[in-house]
N, C-alpha and C. Protein backbone atom coordinates (compact mmCIF):
# COMPACT_ATOMS: atom_id res chain seq x y z
N MET A 1 59.71 13.67 -90.17
CA MET A 1 61.03 14.29 -90.06
C MET A 1 60.85 15.75 -89.58
N PRO A 2 61.59 16.16 -88.65
CA PRO A 2 61.56 17.54 -88.22
C PRO A 2 62.17 18.41 -89.25
N SER A 3 61.60 19.71 -89.33
CA SER A 3 62.19 20.67 -90.27
C SER A 3 63.51 21.22 -89.68
N SER A 4 64.49 21.32 -90.51
CA SER A 4 65.81 21.82 -90.08
C SER A 4 65.70 23.38 -89.82
N GLY A 5 64.71 24.02 -90.26
CA GLY A 5 64.54 25.36 -90.08
C GLY A 5 63.67 25.83 -88.86
N ASP A 6 63.10 24.78 -88.15
CA ASP A 6 62.28 25.07 -87.03
C ASP A 6 63.02 24.63 -85.72
N ALA A 7 62.44 25.26 -84.57
CA ALA A 7 62.79 24.83 -83.26
C ALA A 7 61.51 24.25 -82.68
N TYR A 8 61.63 23.48 -81.62
CA TYR A 8 60.50 22.87 -80.97
C TYR A 8 60.54 23.11 -79.45
N LEU A 9 59.42 23.52 -78.92
CA LEU A 9 59.36 23.75 -77.44
C LEU A 9 58.54 22.67 -76.93
N TYR A 10 58.95 22.12 -75.74
CA TYR A 10 58.13 20.97 -75.19
C TYR A 10 58.26 20.98 -73.65
N GLY A 11 57.43 20.13 -73.10
CA GLY A 11 57.39 19.99 -71.60
C GLY A 11 56.07 19.25 -71.33
N ARG A 12 55.82 19.10 -69.98
CA ARG A 12 54.66 18.50 -69.55
C ARG A 12 53.70 19.65 -69.07
N PHE A 13 52.53 19.73 -69.57
CA PHE A 13 51.63 20.71 -69.29
C PHE A 13 50.25 20.09 -68.80
N PHE A 14 50.28 19.73 -67.57
CA PHE A 14 49.13 18.93 -67.02
C PHE A 14 48.06 19.82 -66.35
N MET A 15 46.76 19.61 -66.72
CA MET A 15 45.69 20.33 -66.18
C MET A 15 44.99 19.45 -65.15
N LYS A 16 44.91 19.86 -63.79
CA LYS A 16 44.28 19.04 -62.85
C LYS A 16 42.74 19.29 -62.99
N ARG A 17 41.96 18.35 -62.91
CA ARG A 17 40.53 18.52 -62.73
C ARG A 17 40.17 18.72 -61.36
N THR A 18 39.69 19.90 -61.07
CA THR A 18 39.31 20.17 -59.68
C THR A 18 37.75 20.34 -59.53
N ILE A 19 37.16 20.46 -60.66
CA ILE A 19 35.66 20.52 -60.66
C ILE A 19 35.16 19.84 -61.95
N ASP A 20 34.01 19.34 -61.93
CA ASP A 20 33.33 18.80 -63.21
C ASP A 20 32.19 19.79 -63.40
N THR A 21 31.96 20.08 -64.68
CA THR A 21 30.79 20.91 -65.06
C THR A 21 29.60 20.04 -65.49
N LEU A 22 28.60 20.72 -65.79
CA LEU A 22 27.37 19.96 -66.31
C LEU A 22 27.65 19.14 -67.53
N TYR A 23 28.60 19.58 -68.34
CA TYR A 23 28.97 18.97 -69.59
C TYR A 23 30.09 17.98 -69.40
N GLY A 24 30.62 17.77 -68.15
CA GLY A 24 31.74 16.83 -67.97
C GLY A 24 33.07 17.29 -68.50
N THR A 25 33.08 18.65 -68.80
CA THR A 25 34.36 19.14 -69.28
C THR A 25 34.98 20.03 -68.18
N HIS A 26 36.06 20.64 -68.49
CA HIS A 26 36.82 21.44 -67.57
C HIS A 26 37.50 22.65 -68.28
N GLY A 27 37.84 23.67 -67.56
CA GLY A 27 38.60 24.71 -68.11
C GLY A 27 40.05 24.32 -68.33
N SER A 28 40.73 25.10 -69.09
CA SER A 28 42.09 24.81 -69.39
C SER A 28 42.87 26.20 -69.45
N MET A 29 44.12 26.10 -69.79
CA MET A 29 44.93 27.27 -69.89
C MET A 29 46.04 26.95 -70.89
N GLY A 30 46.76 28.05 -71.29
CA GLY A 30 47.88 27.87 -72.23
C GLY A 30 48.95 28.99 -71.92
N LEU A 31 50.13 28.60 -72.15
CA LEU A 31 51.27 29.64 -72.11
C LEU A 31 51.52 30.20 -73.45
N ASP A 32 51.50 31.53 -73.56
CA ASP A 32 51.67 32.27 -74.82
C ASP A 32 53.11 32.81 -74.92
N PHE A 33 53.71 32.41 -75.97
CA PHE A 33 55.08 32.83 -76.30
C PHE A 33 55.10 33.80 -77.52
N ALA A 34 55.58 35.01 -77.36
CA ALA A 34 55.68 35.96 -78.41
C ALA A 34 57.07 35.92 -78.98
N CYS A 35 57.19 35.85 -80.28
CA CYS A 35 58.45 35.79 -81.02
C CYS A 35 58.72 37.06 -81.75
N GLN A 36 59.93 37.61 -81.67
CA GLN A 36 60.37 38.88 -82.14
C GLN A 36 60.50 38.96 -83.65
N ASN A 37 61.09 37.97 -84.29
CA ASN A 37 61.38 38.07 -85.72
C ASN A 37 60.11 38.01 -86.61
N ASN A 38 59.18 37.19 -86.21
CA ASN A 38 57.85 37.06 -87.01
C ASN A 38 56.75 37.77 -86.43
N ASN A 39 56.94 38.26 -85.30
CA ASN A 39 55.86 38.98 -84.63
C ASN A 39 54.50 38.17 -84.41
N LYS A 40 54.74 36.93 -84.15
CA LYS A 40 53.60 35.97 -83.87
C LYS A 40 53.66 35.43 -82.44
N THR A 41 52.48 34.97 -82.03
CA THR A 41 52.35 34.34 -80.70
C THR A 41 52.04 32.95 -80.87
N TYR A 42 52.64 32.07 -80.06
CA TYR A 42 52.44 30.60 -80.14
C TYR A 42 51.97 30.14 -78.73
N THR A 43 50.99 29.30 -78.60
CA THR A 43 50.41 28.89 -77.30
C THR A 43 50.72 27.39 -77.14
N ILE A 44 51.14 27.00 -75.93
CA ILE A 44 51.21 25.58 -75.55
C ILE A 44 50.06 25.39 -74.54
N GLY A 45 49.31 24.54 -74.85
CA GLY A 45 48.10 24.27 -74.10
C GLY A 45 48.27 23.19 -73.06
N PHE A 46 47.56 23.36 -71.91
CA PHE A 46 47.64 22.25 -70.84
C PHE A 46 46.54 21.28 -71.21
N ALA A 47 46.82 19.97 -70.81
CA ALA A 47 45.90 18.86 -71.06
C ALA A 47 45.75 17.98 -69.90
N VAL A 48 44.50 17.42 -69.82
CA VAL A 48 44.29 16.41 -68.70
C VAL A 48 44.88 15.08 -69.08
N GLU A 49 44.74 14.72 -70.34
CA GLU A 49 45.33 13.51 -70.91
C GLU A 49 46.48 13.86 -71.81
N ASP A 50 47.52 13.05 -71.95
CA ASP A 50 48.65 13.33 -72.81
C ASP A 50 49.14 14.75 -72.63
N PRO A 51 49.72 14.97 -71.37
CA PRO A 51 50.17 16.26 -71.03
C PRO A 51 51.47 16.61 -71.58
N VAL A 52 52.29 15.75 -72.23
CA VAL A 52 53.56 16.03 -72.87
C VAL A 52 53.17 16.76 -74.17
N GLN A 53 53.56 17.96 -74.32
CA GLN A 53 53.07 18.82 -75.56
C GLN A 53 54.44 19.29 -76.19
N VAL A 54 54.26 19.38 -77.51
CA VAL A 54 55.34 19.99 -78.37
C VAL A 54 54.73 20.95 -79.29
N ILE A 55 55.31 22.20 -79.54
CA ILE A 55 54.91 23.05 -80.50
C ILE A 55 56.23 23.44 -81.33
N ARG A 56 55.94 23.76 -82.54
CA ARG A 56 56.93 24.15 -83.52
C ARG A 56 56.92 25.66 -83.74
N ILE A 57 58.15 26.33 -83.70
CA ILE A 57 58.27 27.64 -83.91
C ILE A 57 59.42 27.90 -84.91
N PRO A 58 59.44 28.99 -85.58
CA PRO A 58 60.58 29.26 -86.55
C PRO A 58 61.89 29.28 -85.76
N GLY A 59 62.87 28.51 -86.25
CA GLY A 59 64.14 28.51 -85.56
C GLY A 59 64.90 29.88 -85.78
N GLY A 60 65.76 30.22 -84.82
CA GLY A 60 66.52 31.40 -84.96
C GLY A 60 65.91 32.58 -84.36
N ASP A 61 64.66 32.36 -83.75
CA ASP A 61 63.91 33.51 -83.26
C ASP A 61 64.20 33.75 -81.74
N VAL A 62 63.86 34.88 -81.28
CA VAL A 62 63.98 35.16 -79.85
C VAL A 62 62.47 35.34 -79.37
N CYS A 63 62.19 34.48 -78.38
CA CYS A 63 60.71 34.47 -77.85
C CYS A 63 60.69 34.61 -76.35
N SER A 64 59.68 35.02 -75.90
CA SER A 64 59.45 35.09 -74.44
C SER A 64 58.03 34.78 -74.02
N LEU A 65 57.80 34.31 -72.92
CA LEU A 65 56.56 34.01 -72.31
C LEU A 65 55.92 35.34 -71.95
N VAL A 66 54.79 35.66 -72.67
CA VAL A 66 54.21 36.99 -72.39
C VAL A 66 52.88 36.91 -71.61
N SER A 67 52.12 35.82 -71.68
CA SER A 67 50.86 35.79 -71.09
C SER A 67 50.39 34.29 -70.84
N ILE A 68 49.32 34.25 -70.09
CA ILE A 68 48.69 32.97 -69.80
C ILE A 68 47.18 33.20 -70.27
N THR A 69 46.77 32.32 -71.13
CA THR A 69 45.37 32.43 -71.58
C THR A 69 44.55 31.30 -70.94
N TYR A 70 43.31 31.69 -70.78
CA TYR A 70 42.36 30.79 -70.10
C TYR A 70 41.15 30.47 -70.93
N SER A 71 40.70 29.19 -70.79
CA SER A 71 39.48 28.81 -71.48
C SER A 71 38.54 28.34 -70.49
N ASP A 72 37.20 28.52 -70.77
CA ASP A 72 36.16 28.10 -69.80
C ASP A 72 35.83 26.64 -70.02
N SER A 73 34.81 26.20 -69.26
CA SER A 73 34.54 24.73 -69.28
C SER A 73 33.93 24.20 -70.54
N VAL A 74 33.60 25.05 -71.49
CA VAL A 74 33.19 24.54 -72.76
C VAL A 74 34.18 24.85 -73.90
N GLY A 75 35.38 25.34 -73.54
CA GLY A 75 36.39 25.65 -74.40
C GLY A 75 36.47 27.06 -75.05
N GLY A 76 35.62 27.96 -74.49
CA GLY A 76 35.64 29.29 -75.01
C GLY A 76 36.70 30.11 -74.25
N TRP A 77 37.09 31.21 -74.98
CA TRP A 77 38.14 32.05 -74.42
C TRP A 77 37.52 32.76 -73.07
N ALA A 78 38.26 32.71 -71.99
CA ALA A 78 37.86 33.25 -70.79
C ALA A 78 38.68 34.46 -70.22
N GLY A 79 39.83 34.63 -70.81
CA GLY A 79 40.70 35.70 -70.45
C GLY A 79 42.19 35.47 -70.66
N THR A 80 42.95 36.48 -70.42
CA THR A 80 44.46 36.41 -70.58
C THR A 80 44.95 37.31 -69.49
N ASP A 81 46.02 36.87 -68.86
CA ASP A 81 46.75 37.56 -67.85
C ASP A 81 48.20 37.75 -68.31
N PRO A 82 48.93 38.79 -67.89
CA PRO A 82 50.30 38.88 -68.18
C PRO A 82 51.07 37.89 -67.32
N VAL A 83 52.31 37.52 -67.71
CA VAL A 83 53.05 36.66 -66.90
C VAL A 83 53.41 37.38 -65.55
N PRO A 84 53.23 36.57 -64.43
CA PRO A 84 53.42 37.22 -63.10
C PRO A 84 54.79 37.47 -62.68
N SER A 85 55.80 36.99 -63.36
CA SER A 85 57.18 37.16 -62.85
C SER A 85 58.06 37.50 -64.13
N LYS A 86 58.91 38.48 -63.82
CA LYS A 86 59.98 38.85 -64.90
C LYS A 86 60.81 37.68 -65.20
N ALA A 87 61.20 36.82 -64.15
CA ALA A 87 62.02 35.66 -64.49
C ALA A 87 61.45 34.73 -65.53
N LEU A 88 60.16 34.61 -65.47
CA LEU A 88 59.46 33.67 -66.39
C LEU A 88 59.40 34.31 -67.84
N SER A 89 59.40 35.62 -67.87
CA SER A 89 59.25 36.24 -69.11
C SER A 89 60.53 36.67 -69.88
N ARG A 90 61.63 36.00 -69.44
CA ARG A 90 62.99 36.34 -70.06
C ARG A 90 62.90 35.91 -71.54
N ALA A 91 63.69 36.66 -72.37
CA ALA A 91 63.69 36.34 -73.70
C ALA A 91 64.78 35.24 -73.97
N ILE A 92 64.41 34.31 -74.73
CA ILE A 92 65.22 33.10 -75.08
C ILE A 92 65.38 32.99 -76.60
N HIS A 93 66.65 32.69 -76.95
CA HIS A 93 66.96 32.53 -78.40
C HIS A 93 66.78 30.98 -78.64
N PHE A 94 65.94 30.66 -79.63
CA PHE A 94 65.73 29.23 -79.96
C PHE A 94 66.35 29.01 -81.33
N GLU A 95 67.46 28.17 -81.27
CA GLU A 95 68.14 27.87 -82.55
C GLU A 95 67.33 26.77 -83.36
N ALA A 96 67.47 26.91 -84.62
CA ALA A 96 66.75 25.85 -85.46
C ALA A 96 67.40 24.52 -85.30
N GLY A 97 66.64 23.46 -85.45
CA GLY A 97 67.08 22.02 -85.39
C GLY A 97 67.25 21.55 -84.04
N LYS A 98 66.68 22.16 -83.01
CA LYS A 98 66.78 21.78 -81.60
C LYS A 98 65.33 21.80 -80.95
N ALA A 99 65.25 20.96 -79.90
CA ALA A 99 64.06 20.96 -79.12
C ALA A 99 64.43 21.49 -77.75
N TYR A 100 63.60 22.31 -77.17
CA TYR A 100 63.87 23.05 -75.93
C TYR A 100 62.83 22.67 -74.88
N TYR A 101 63.31 22.04 -73.74
CA TYR A 101 62.46 21.69 -72.68
C TYR A 101 62.13 22.92 -71.77
N LEU A 102 60.91 23.22 -71.55
CA LEU A 102 60.47 24.42 -70.83
C LEU A 102 60.12 24.10 -69.31
N GLY A 103 59.91 22.76 -68.94
CA GLY A 103 59.57 22.42 -67.59
C GLY A 103 58.32 21.56 -67.59
N ASP A 104 58.01 21.05 -66.35
CA ASP A 104 56.79 20.32 -66.14
C ASP A 104 55.88 21.24 -65.26
N PHE A 105 54.77 21.56 -65.92
CA PHE A 105 53.82 22.51 -65.28
C PHE A 105 52.58 21.82 -64.88
N VAL A 106 51.92 22.16 -63.75
CA VAL A 106 50.66 21.73 -63.32
C VAL A 106 49.82 22.91 -63.23
N GLY A 107 48.60 22.89 -63.87
CA GLY A 107 47.66 23.94 -63.74
C GLY A 107 46.38 23.38 -63.07
N SER A 108 45.60 24.26 -62.50
CA SER A 108 44.26 23.88 -61.97
C SER A 108 43.21 24.90 -62.31
N PHE A 109 41.95 24.41 -62.39
CA PHE A 109 40.81 25.13 -62.69
C PHE A 109 39.81 24.81 -61.72
N GLY A 110 39.10 25.76 -61.03
CA GLY A 110 38.15 25.43 -60.07
C GLY A 110 37.46 26.78 -59.69
N TYR A 111 36.72 26.73 -58.67
CA TYR A 111 35.92 27.74 -58.05
C TYR A 111 36.66 28.56 -57.03
N ALA A 112 36.72 29.87 -57.13
CA ALA A 112 37.40 30.62 -56.08
C ALA A 112 36.21 31.27 -55.30
N GLY A 113 35.06 31.02 -55.39
CA GLY A 113 33.89 31.57 -54.69
C GLY A 113 32.66 31.22 -55.52
N VAL A 114 31.58 31.74 -55.10
CA VAL A 114 30.28 31.43 -55.73
C VAL A 114 30.41 32.06 -57.16
N ASN A 115 30.30 31.20 -58.11
CA ASN A 115 30.22 31.59 -59.52
C ASN A 115 31.42 32.27 -59.94
N THR A 116 32.56 32.14 -59.36
CA THR A 116 33.88 32.70 -59.65
C THR A 116 34.85 31.70 -60.04
N LEU A 117 35.33 31.63 -61.22
CA LEU A 117 36.24 30.55 -61.67
C LEU A 117 37.60 31.10 -61.39
N ARG A 118 38.52 30.10 -61.21
CA ARG A 118 39.92 30.45 -60.95
C ARG A 118 40.88 29.48 -61.66
N TRP A 119 41.85 30.03 -62.37
CA TRP A 119 42.91 29.19 -63.00
C TRP A 119 44.19 29.58 -62.39
N GLU A 120 45.07 28.60 -62.20
CA GLU A 120 46.47 28.96 -61.79
C GLU A 120 47.47 27.80 -62.10
N VAL A 121 48.69 28.27 -62.18
CA VAL A 121 49.78 27.31 -62.32
C VAL A 121 50.15 27.07 -60.85
N THR A 122 49.99 25.74 -60.51
CA THR A 122 50.26 25.38 -59.11
C THR A 122 51.63 24.72 -58.85
N ASP A 123 52.33 24.38 -59.90
CA ASP A 123 53.65 23.73 -59.65
C ASP A 123 54.46 23.81 -61.07
N VAL A 124 55.68 24.02 -60.95
CA VAL A 124 56.67 23.98 -62.01
C VAL A 124 57.85 23.25 -61.56
N ARG A 125 58.22 22.18 -62.28
CA ARG A 125 59.46 21.40 -61.91
C ARG A 125 60.39 21.16 -63.10
N ASP A 126 61.52 20.89 -62.77
CA ASP A 126 62.55 20.53 -63.74
C ASP A 126 62.80 18.94 -63.74
N ASP A 127 62.23 18.35 -64.66
CA ASP A 127 62.30 16.84 -64.81
C ASP A 127 62.77 16.58 -66.22
N PHE A 128 63.82 17.32 -66.66
CA PHE A 128 64.34 17.22 -67.95
C PHE A 128 64.52 15.82 -68.54
N LEU A 129 65.24 15.05 -67.91
CA LEU A 129 65.62 13.67 -68.37
C LEU A 129 64.31 12.84 -68.72
N LYS A 130 63.50 12.77 -67.66
CA LYS A 130 62.29 11.90 -67.74
C LYS A 130 61.29 12.42 -68.84
N THR A 131 61.04 13.74 -68.85
CA THR A 131 60.13 14.27 -69.82
C THR A 131 60.77 14.21 -71.26
N THR A 132 62.03 14.40 -71.40
CA THR A 132 62.65 14.26 -72.76
C THR A 132 62.53 12.85 -73.26
N ARG A 133 62.82 11.86 -72.40
CA ARG A 133 62.65 10.46 -72.76
C ARG A 133 61.18 10.20 -73.32
N GLU A 134 60.17 10.70 -72.51
CA GLU A 134 58.89 10.51 -72.84
C GLU A 134 58.45 11.21 -74.18
N MET A 135 58.90 12.41 -74.36
CA MET A 135 58.61 13.21 -75.48
C MET A 135 59.14 12.48 -76.79
N LYS A 136 60.43 11.96 -76.62
CA LYS A 136 60.98 11.30 -77.81
C LYS A 136 60.39 9.93 -78.06
N SER A 137 59.73 9.37 -77.08
CA SER A 137 58.96 8.03 -77.35
C SER A 137 57.67 8.36 -77.89
N ILE A 138 57.07 9.43 -77.66
CA ILE A 138 55.66 9.80 -78.13
C ILE A 138 55.76 10.41 -79.54
N PHE A 139 56.74 11.33 -79.73
CA PHE A 139 56.89 12.11 -80.96
C PHE A 139 58.13 11.54 -81.61
N HIS A 140 57.92 10.25 -82.26
CA HIS A 140 59.07 9.58 -82.90
C HIS A 140 59.93 10.40 -83.84
N ASN A 141 59.27 11.32 -84.55
CA ASN A 141 60.01 12.11 -85.57
C ASN A 141 61.01 13.01 -84.92
N LEU A 142 60.88 13.22 -83.59
CA LEU A 142 61.78 14.16 -82.82
C LEU A 142 62.89 13.34 -82.05
N SER A 143 62.87 12.03 -82.24
CA SER A 143 63.70 11.17 -81.34
C SER A 143 65.17 11.48 -81.47
N ALA A 144 65.62 11.94 -82.74
CA ALA A 144 67.10 12.13 -82.88
C ALA A 144 67.44 13.59 -82.74
N ILE A 145 66.57 14.49 -82.56
CA ILE A 145 66.81 15.85 -82.51
C ILE A 145 67.55 16.19 -81.13
N PRO A 146 68.55 17.15 -81.17
CA PRO A 146 69.28 17.55 -79.92
C PRO A 146 68.27 18.25 -78.99
N THR A 147 68.39 18.13 -77.74
CA THR A 147 67.52 18.84 -76.80
C THR A 147 68.32 19.74 -75.78
N GLU A 148 67.69 20.72 -75.32
CA GLU A 148 68.43 21.58 -74.40
C GLU A 148 67.34 22.02 -73.27
N ASN A 149 67.83 22.08 -72.08
CA ASN A 149 66.99 22.36 -70.96
C ASN A 149 66.95 23.91 -70.79
N LYS A 150 65.68 24.52 -70.92
CA LYS A 150 65.47 25.87 -70.70
C LYS A 150 64.37 26.06 -69.65
N THR A 151 64.40 25.28 -68.61
CA THR A 151 63.38 25.30 -67.64
C THR A 151 62.92 26.73 -67.24
N MET A 152 61.73 26.97 -67.19
CA MET A 152 61.09 28.27 -66.82
C MET A 152 60.92 28.44 -65.39
N LEU A 153 61.90 28.24 -64.61
CA LEU A 153 61.73 28.42 -63.12
C LEU A 153 62.28 29.75 -62.65
């Protein structure tokens, strides 16, 4: 059962495999949201499998996308960049007891040159109805929670 004091952020966060490493793993990335009331940052990670992700944050807070964090091919921290667009970093009030759709994101990890790795968000789409249906079928405890489209386009 979802907590009535929390809000939920969800979407599809798919990481394309563009290279394989010696270990058969790949780099990834996450979107970092900073919340004003509790002064904490929450990260939604990208995934190759099961890309529909949900995170819980305290309801009633105002949060904004502040950075993108990168991991290397073995899961270690590789860096953080500020959000490239003011439109993406807008402050959003997340009411308790609701789930907020952020969009369907595609990220990639690969080489930008000899021994130079590159991460990027290659696509963002609004597929609210389809992803919401999928989220509610995967996360049964959230199936009755009201949803709202807050696509980060």
